[in-house]
Amino acid sequence: MDIDIISGLYHYGLTIIKYEQDYCLVDLKTQEVYEKMSIYYIRRLLRSWNKHRKNIESVI
């Protein structure tokens, strides 16, 4: 597993587990397991979240 993905998810209070051939995100506080998704989709989510976060930080 790519350390950038793991650390990126940790920033948002999440971790990742492999489930069958896909992956699931897990909330570190509540232990809630989210639906199965591909690693490609998780990378896209992280990019989107990070872009949104950077846009907010530039306004502050």
C-alpha atoms as a PDB file:
ATOM      1  CA  MET A   1       0.000   0.000   0.000  1.00  0.00           C
ATOM      2  CA  ASP A   2       1.244   3.464  -0.904  1.00  0.00           C
ATOM      3  CA  ILE A   3       2.350   5.430   2.177  1.00  0.00           C
ATOM      4  CA  ASP A   4       1.084   8.676   0.611  1.00  0.00           C
ATOM      5  CA  ILE A   5      -2.437   7.254   0.518  1.00  0.00           C
ATOM      6  CA  ILE A   6      -2.235   6.008   4.101  1.00  0.00           C
ATOM      7  CA  SER A   7      -0.899   9.301   5.460  1.00  0.00           C
ATOM      8  CA  GLY A   8      -3.343  11.310   3.356  1.00  0.00           C
ATOM      9  CA  LEU A   9      -6.282   9.345   4.710  1.00  0.00           C
ATOM     10  CA  TYR A  10      -4.954   9.652   8.266  1.00  0.00           C
ATOM     11  CA  HIS A  11      -5.083  13.438   7.888  1.00  0.00           C
ATOM     12  CA  TYR A  12      -8.860  13.056   7.417  1.00  0.00           C
ATOM     13  CA  GLY A  13      -9.272  10.585  10.289  1.00  0.00           C
ATOM     14  CA  LEU A  14      -9.490   7.557   8.009  1.00  0.00           C
ATOM     15  CA  THR A  15      -7.553   4.413   7.275  1.00  0.00           C
ATOM     16  CA  ILE A  16      -7.836   1.816   4.548  1.00  0.00           C
ATOM     17  CA  ILE A  17      -8.366  -1.936   4.610  1.00  0.00           C
ATOM     18  CA  LYS A  18      -8.289  -4.440   1.794  1.00  0.00           C
ATOM     19  CA  TYR A  19     -11.615  -6.198   1.344  1.00  0.00           C
ATOM     20  CA  GLU A  20     -11.772  -8.939  -1.280  1.00  0.00           C
ATOM     21  CA  GLN A  21     -10.339  -7.297  -4.425  1.00  0.00           C
ATOM     22  CA  ASP A  22     -11.303  -3.774  -3.427  1.00  0.00           C
ATOM     23  CA  TYR A  23     -10.669  -1.493  -0.469  1.00  0.00           C
ATOM     24  CA  CYS A  24     -12.783   0.106   2.236  1.00  0.00           C
ATOM     25  CA  LEU A  25     -12.206   3.295   4.144  1.00  0.00           C
ATOM     26  CA  VAL A  26     -12.562   3.062   7.916  1.00  0.00           C
ATOM     27  CA  ASP A  27     -13.286   6.001  10.209  1.00  0.00           C
ATOM     28  CA  LEU A  28     -10.648   5.937  12.953  1.00  0.00           C
ATOM     29  CA  LYS A  29     -12.962   7.434  15.602  1.00  0.00           C
ATOM     30  CA  THR A  30     -16.176   5.511  15.009  1.00  0.00           C
ATOM     31  CA  GLN A  31     -14.732   2.399  13.312  1.00  0.00           C
ATOM     32  CA  GLU A  32     -17.423   2.812  10.639  1.00  0.00           C
ATOM     33  CA  VAL A  33     -16.521   0.917   7.464  1.00  0.00           C
ATOM     34  CA  TYR A  34     -17.487   2.617   4.227  1.00  0.00           C
ATOM     35  CA  GLU A  35     -18.497   0.911   0.993  1.00  0.00           C
ATOM     36  CA  LYS A  36     -16.016  -0.988  -1.150  1.00  0.00           C
ATOM     37  CA  MET A  37     -14.104   1.077  -3.695  1.00  0.00           C
ATOM     38  CA  SER A  38     -11.112   0.799  -5.963  1.00  0.00           C
ATOM     39  CA  ILE A  39      -7.724   2.225  -5.073  1.00  0.00           C
ATOM     40  CA  TYR A  40      -8.070   4.464  -8.140  1.00  0.00           C
ATOM     41  CA  TYR A  41     -11.269   5.967  -6.708  1.00  0.00           C
ATOM     42  CA  ILE A  42      -9.641   6.497  -3.302  1.00  0.00           C
ATOM     43  CA  ARG A  43      -6.750   8.361  -4.963  1.00  0.00           C
ATOM     44  CA  ARG A  44      -9.262  10.585  -6.790  1.00  0.00           C
ATOM     45  CA  LEU A  45     -11.088  11.295  -3.517  1.00  0.00           C
ATOM     46  CA  LEU A  46      -7.855  12.291  -1.791  1.00  0.00           C
ATOM     47  CA  ARG A  47      -6.854  14.579  -4.667  1.00  0.00           C
ATOM     48  CA  SER A  48     -10.255  16.234  -4.578  1.00  0.00           C
ATOM     49  CA  TRP A  49     -10.245  16.656  -0.781  1.00  0.00           C
ATOM     50  CA  ASN A  50      -6.694  18.020  -0.802  1.00  0.00           C
ATOM     51  CA  LYS A  51      -7.495  20.462  -3.601  1.00  0.00           C
ATOM     52  CA  HIS A  52     -10.561  21.678  -1.713  1.00  0.00           C
ATOM     53  CA  ARG A  53      -8.561  22.003   1.515  1.00  0.00           C
ATOM     54  CA  LYS A  54      -5.824  24.020  -0.247  1.00  0.00           C
ATOM     55  CA  ASN A  55      -8.440  26.339  -1.754  1.00  0.00           C
ATOM     56  CA  ILE A  56      -9.915  26.960   1.704  1.00  0.00           C
ATOM     57  CA  GLU A  57      -6.472  27.529   3.258  1.00  0.00           C
ATOM     58  CA  SER A  58      -5.586  30.083   0.569  1.00  0.00           C
ATOM     59  CA  VAL A  59      -8.711  32.101   1.433  1.00  0.00           C
ATOM     60  CA  ILE A  60      -7.937  32.158   5.168  1.00  0.00           C
END
